Amino acid sequence: MEVIITNHARERMQKYEIKQSDVLEAINNSTDVIEGHSNRIVYQKVLNGYVIRAVCEKVKSTVIVITVYKARKGRYEIQI
């Protein structure tokens, strides 16, 4: 599966100090996957005391990361 990270997502990664490896971990080994708005997919992964959320679109076998951010674990219902 190919993963493309948009410029907006890269800006958010810098703002929230999220490494690319953490984004890929969230997508490839997600704790939870939910349906987002406009048929987007939200991959969630608990890492380092936070939930990394990657909002993506899937086109065939390519995942396009639209945005990414950190959230507190209590903010979203994550099954650990």
N, C-alpha and C. Protein backbone atom coordinates (compact mmCIF):
# COMPACT_ATOMS: atom_id res chain seq x y z
N MET A 1 0.85 -1.17 0.00
CA MET A 1 0.00 0.00 0.00
C MET A 1 0.90 1.24 0.00
N GLU A 2 0.63 2.14 -0.91
CA GLU A 2 1.37 3.39 -1.00
C GLU A 2 0.70 4.42 -0.10
N VAL A 3 1.49 5.23 0.59
CA VAL A 3 0.98 6.31 1.44
C VAL A 3 1.55 7.62 0.93
N ILE A 4 0.65 8.57 0.63
CA ILE A 4 1.05 9.90 0.19
C ILE A 4 0.63 10.88 1.29
N ILE A 5 1.57 11.70 1.73
CA ILE A 5 1.30 12.68 2.79
C ILE A 5 1.23 14.06 2.14
N THR A 6 0.07 14.71 2.26
CA THR A 6 -0.11 16.03 1.65
C THR A 6 0.72 17.09 2.39
N ASN A 7 0.90 18.23 1.74
CA ASN A 7 1.62 19.33 2.37
C ASN A 7 0.93 19.79 3.65
N HIS A 8 -0.40 19.82 3.64
CA HIS A 8 -1.13 20.22 4.84
C HIS A 8 -0.82 19.26 6.00
N ALA A 9 -0.85 17.96 5.71
CA ALA A 9 -0.54 16.98 6.74
C ALA A 9 0.89 17.15 7.26
N ARG A 10 1.82 17.45 6.37
CA ARG A 10 3.22 17.67 6.79
C ARG A 10 3.32 18.90 7.71
N GLU A 11 2.56 19.94 7.40
CA GLU A 11 2.54 21.13 8.27
C GLU A 11 2.01 20.77 9.66
N ARG A 12 0.97 19.96 9.69
CA ARG A 12 0.40 19.53 10.98
C ARG A 12 1.37 18.63 11.74
N MET A 13 2.09 17.79 11.02
CA MET A 13 3.09 16.94 11.66
C MET A 13 4.14 17.79 12.34
N GLN A 14 4.56 18.85 11.67
CA GLN A 14 5.55 19.75 12.25
C GLN A 14 4.96 20.48 13.46
N LYS A 15 3.75 20.98 13.33
CA LYS A 15 3.10 21.72 14.42
C LYS A 15 2.96 20.85 15.67
N TYR A 16 2.51 19.61 15.49
CA TYR A 16 2.27 18.72 16.63
C TYR A 16 3.46 17.83 16.96
N GLU A 17 4.58 18.04 16.27
CA GLU A 17 5.80 17.26 16.50
C GLU A 17 5.55 15.76 16.36
N ILE A 18 4.94 15.40 15.25
CA ILE A 18 4.64 14.01 14.95
C ILE A 18 5.60 13.55 13.86
N LYS A 19 6.27 12.44 14.10
CA LYS A 19 7.22 11.90 13.13
C LYS A 19 6.47 11.15 12.03
N GLN A 20 7.07 11.10 10.85
CA GLN A 20 6.47 10.36 9.76
C GLN A 20 6.30 8.90 10.12
N SER A 21 7.26 8.36 10.84
CA SER A 21 7.16 6.95 11.25
C SER A 21 5.94 6.71 12.14
N ASP A 22 5.57 7.72 12.96
CA ASP A 22 4.37 7.59 13.81
C ASP A 22 3.10 7.59 12.97
N VAL A 23 3.08 8.42 11.91
CA VAL A 23 1.92 8.46 11.02
C VAL A 23 1.77 7.12 10.30
N LEU A 24 2.87 6.59 9.81
CA LEU A 24 2.82 5.30 9.13
C LEU A 24 2.42 4.18 10.08
N GLU A 25 2.88 4.26 11.32
CA GLU A 25 2.50 3.28 12.34
C GLU A 25 0.99 3.35 12.60
N ALA A 26 0.46 4.57 12.66
CA ALA A 26 -0.98 4.75 12.89
C ALA A 26 -1.80 4.16 11.74
N ILE A 27 -1.30 4.28 10.54
CA ILE A 27 -2.02 3.75 9.38
C ILE A 27 -1.87 2.24 9.27
N ASN A 28 -0.65 1.75 9.39
CA ASN A 28 -0.39 0.32 9.17
C ASN A 28 -0.75 -0.57 10.34
N ASN A 29 -0.72 -0.03 11.56
CA ASN A 29 -1.01 -0.82 12.76
C ASN A 29 -1.96 -0.06 13.67
N SER A 30 -3.05 0.40 13.10
CA SER A 30 -3.97 1.26 13.85
C SER A 30 -4.63 0.53 15.01
N THR A 31 -4.88 1.30 16.07
CA THR A 31 -5.63 0.80 17.21
C THR A 31 -7.10 0.74 16.86
N ASP A 32 -7.54 1.70 16.04
CA ASP A 32 -8.95 1.82 15.67
C ASP A 32 -9.03 2.52 14.32
N VAL A 33 -10.00 2.13 13.52
CA VAL A 33 -10.26 2.78 12.24
C VAL A 33 -11.74 3.14 12.21
N ILE A 34 -12.02 4.42 11.95
CA ILE A 34 -13.42 4.85 11.92
C ILE A 34 -13.69 5.60 10.63
N GLU A 35 -14.97 5.69 10.28
CA GLU A 35 -15.37 6.44 9.10
C GLU A 35 -15.48 7.90 9.47
N GLY A 36 -14.87 8.76 8.68
CA GLY A 36 -14.93 10.19 8.90
C GLY A 36 -15.93 10.84 7.96
N HIS A 37 -15.90 12.16 7.91
CA HIS A 37 -16.78 12.91 7.01
C HIS A 37 -16.34 12.71 5.56
N SER A 38 -17.28 12.82 4.66
CA SER A 38 -17.01 12.76 3.21
C SER A 38 -16.26 11.49 2.81
N ASN A 39 -16.65 10.37 3.40
CA ASN A 39 -16.06 9.06 3.09
C ASN A 39 -14.57 8.97 3.39
N ARG A 40 -14.10 9.79 4.29
CA ARG A 40 -12.70 9.70 4.70
C ARG A 40 -12.56 8.64 5.78
N ILE A 41 -11.34 8.16 5.93
CA ILE A 41 -11.03 7.14 6.93
C ILE A 41 -10.13 7.78 7.97
N VAL A 42 -10.42 7.54 9.24
CA VAL A 42 -9.59 8.07 10.32
C VAL A 42 -8.89 6.89 10.98
N TYR A 43 -7.58 6.85 10.83
CA TYR A 43 -6.76 5.83 11.48
C TYR A 43 -6.30 6.40 12.81
N GLN A 44 -6.45 5.63 13.88
CA GLN A 44 -6.07 6.09 15.20
C GLN A 44 -5.10 5.10 15.83
N LYS A 45 -4.11 5.64 16.51
CA LYS A 45 -3.12 4.80 17.18
C LYS A 45 -2.68 5.48 18.47
N VAL A 46 -2.67 4.73 19.57
CA VAL A 46 -2.19 5.26 20.83
C VAL A 46 -0.67 5.15 20.83
N LEU A 47 0.00 6.30 20.94
CA LEU A 47 1.46 6.34 20.97
C LEU A 47 1.90 7.40 21.97
N ASN A 48 2.80 7.03 22.85
CA ASN A 48 3.41 7.98 23.78
C ASN A 48 2.40 8.80 24.58
N GLY A 49 1.31 8.17 25.01
CA GLY A 49 0.32 8.85 25.84
C GLY A 49 -0.69 9.69 25.08
N TYR A 50 -0.61 9.70 23.77
CA TYR A 50 -1.55 10.45 22.93
C TYR A 50 -2.18 9.52 21.91
N VAL A 51 -3.25 10.00 21.31
CA VAL A 51 -3.84 9.32 20.17
C VAL A 51 -3.39 10.09 18.93
N ILE A 52 -2.72 9.41 18.03
CA ILE A 52 -2.37 10.00 16.74
C ILE A 52 -3.55 9.70 15.82
N ARG A 53 -4.11 10.74 15.22
CA ARG A 53 -5.24 10.58 14.31
C ARG A 53 -4.82 11.03 12.92
N ALA A 54 -4.91 10.12 11.97
CA ALA A 54 -4.57 10.42 10.58
C ALA A 54 -5.86 10.34 9.76
N VAL A 55 -6.28 11.48 9.23
CA VAL A 55 -7.49 11.55 8.42
C VAL A 55 -7.06 11.35 6.97
N CYS A 56 -7.61 10.32 6.33
CA CYS A 56 -7.11 9.91 5.02
C CYS A 56 -8.24 9.67 4.03
N GLU A 57 -7.86 9.66 2.78
CA GLU A 57 -8.71 9.20 1.70
C GLU A 57 -8.01 8.01 1.07
N LYS A 58 -8.79 7.03 0.65
CA LYS A 58 -8.20 5.85 0.03
C LYS A 58 -8.63 5.80 -1.43
N VAL A 59 -7.65 5.73 -2.31
CA VAL A 59 -7.90 5.63 -3.75
C VAL A 59 -7.19 4.37 -4.22
N LYS A 60 -7.98 3.36 -4.52
CA LYS A 60 -7.45 2.03 -4.88
C LYS A 60 -6.54 1.55 -3.76
N SER A 61 -5.26 1.33 -4.05
CA SER A 61 -4.36 0.83 -3.01
C SER A 61 -3.49 1.95 -2.43
N THR A 62 -3.89 3.20 -2.67
CA THR A 62 -3.13 4.35 -2.17
C THR A 62 -3.90 5.04 -1.06
N VAL A 63 -3.20 5.34 0.03
CA VAL A 63 -3.79 6.10 1.14
C VAL A 63 -3.20 7.50 1.09
N ILE A 64 -4.08 8.51 1.03
CA ILE A 64 -3.65 9.90 0.99
C ILE A 64 -3.96 10.51 2.35
N VAL A 65 -2.91 10.94 3.05
CA VAL A 65 -3.07 11.54 4.37
C VAL A 65 -3.43 13.01 4.17
N ILE A 66 -4.65 13.37 4.58
CA ILE A 66 -5.16 14.72 4.42
C ILE A 66 -4.68 15.61 5.57
N THR A 67 -4.83 15.12 6.79
CA THR A 67 -4.35 15.84 7.97
C THR A 67 -4.03 14.83 9.06
N VAL A 68 -3.29 15.28 10.04
CA VAL A 68 -2.90 14.43 11.15
C VAL A 68 -2.73 15.31 12.39
N TYR A 69 -3.08 14.75 13.54
CA TYR A 69 -2.93 15.52 14.79
C TYR A 69 -2.91 14.58 15.98
N LYS A 70 -2.49 15.15 17.12
CA LYS A 70 -2.48 14.42 18.39
C LYS A 70 -3.73 14.81 19.18
N ALA A 71 -4.25 13.85 19.91
CA ALA A 71 -5.37 14.12 20.81
C ALA A 71 -5.12 13.36 22.11
N ARG A 72 -5.71 13.83 23.19
CA ARG A 72 -5.62 13.09 24.46
C ARG A 72 -6.39 11.80 24.34
N LYS A 73 -5.91 10.77 25.04
CA LYS A 73 -6.55 9.45 24.98
C LYS A 73 -8.01 9.52 25.38
N GLY A 74 -8.36 10.34 26.38
CA GLY A 74 -9.74 10.42 26.85
C GLY A 74 -10.68 11.11 25.90
N ARG A 75 -10.16 11.81 24.91
CA ARG A 75 -10.98 12.58 23.98
C ARG A 75 -11.76 11.68 23.02
N TYR A 76 -11.17 10.56 22.62
CA TYR A 76 -11.80 9.63 21.69
C TYR A 76 -11.87 8.27 22.33
N GLU A 77 -12.93 7.57 22.03
CA GLU A 77 -13.09 6.23 22.58
C GLU A 77 -12.21 5.26 21.81
N ILE A 78 -11.12 4.91 22.42
CA ILE A 78 -10.16 4.00 21.80
C ILE A 78 -10.15 2.71 22.60
N GLN A 79 -10.31 1.61 21.90
CA GLN A 79 -10.24 0.31 22.56
C GLN A 79 -8.78 -0.14 22.57
N ILE A 80 -8.22 -0.27 23.76
CA ILE A 80 -6.82 -0.67 23.86
C ILE A 80 -6.74 -2.13 24.27
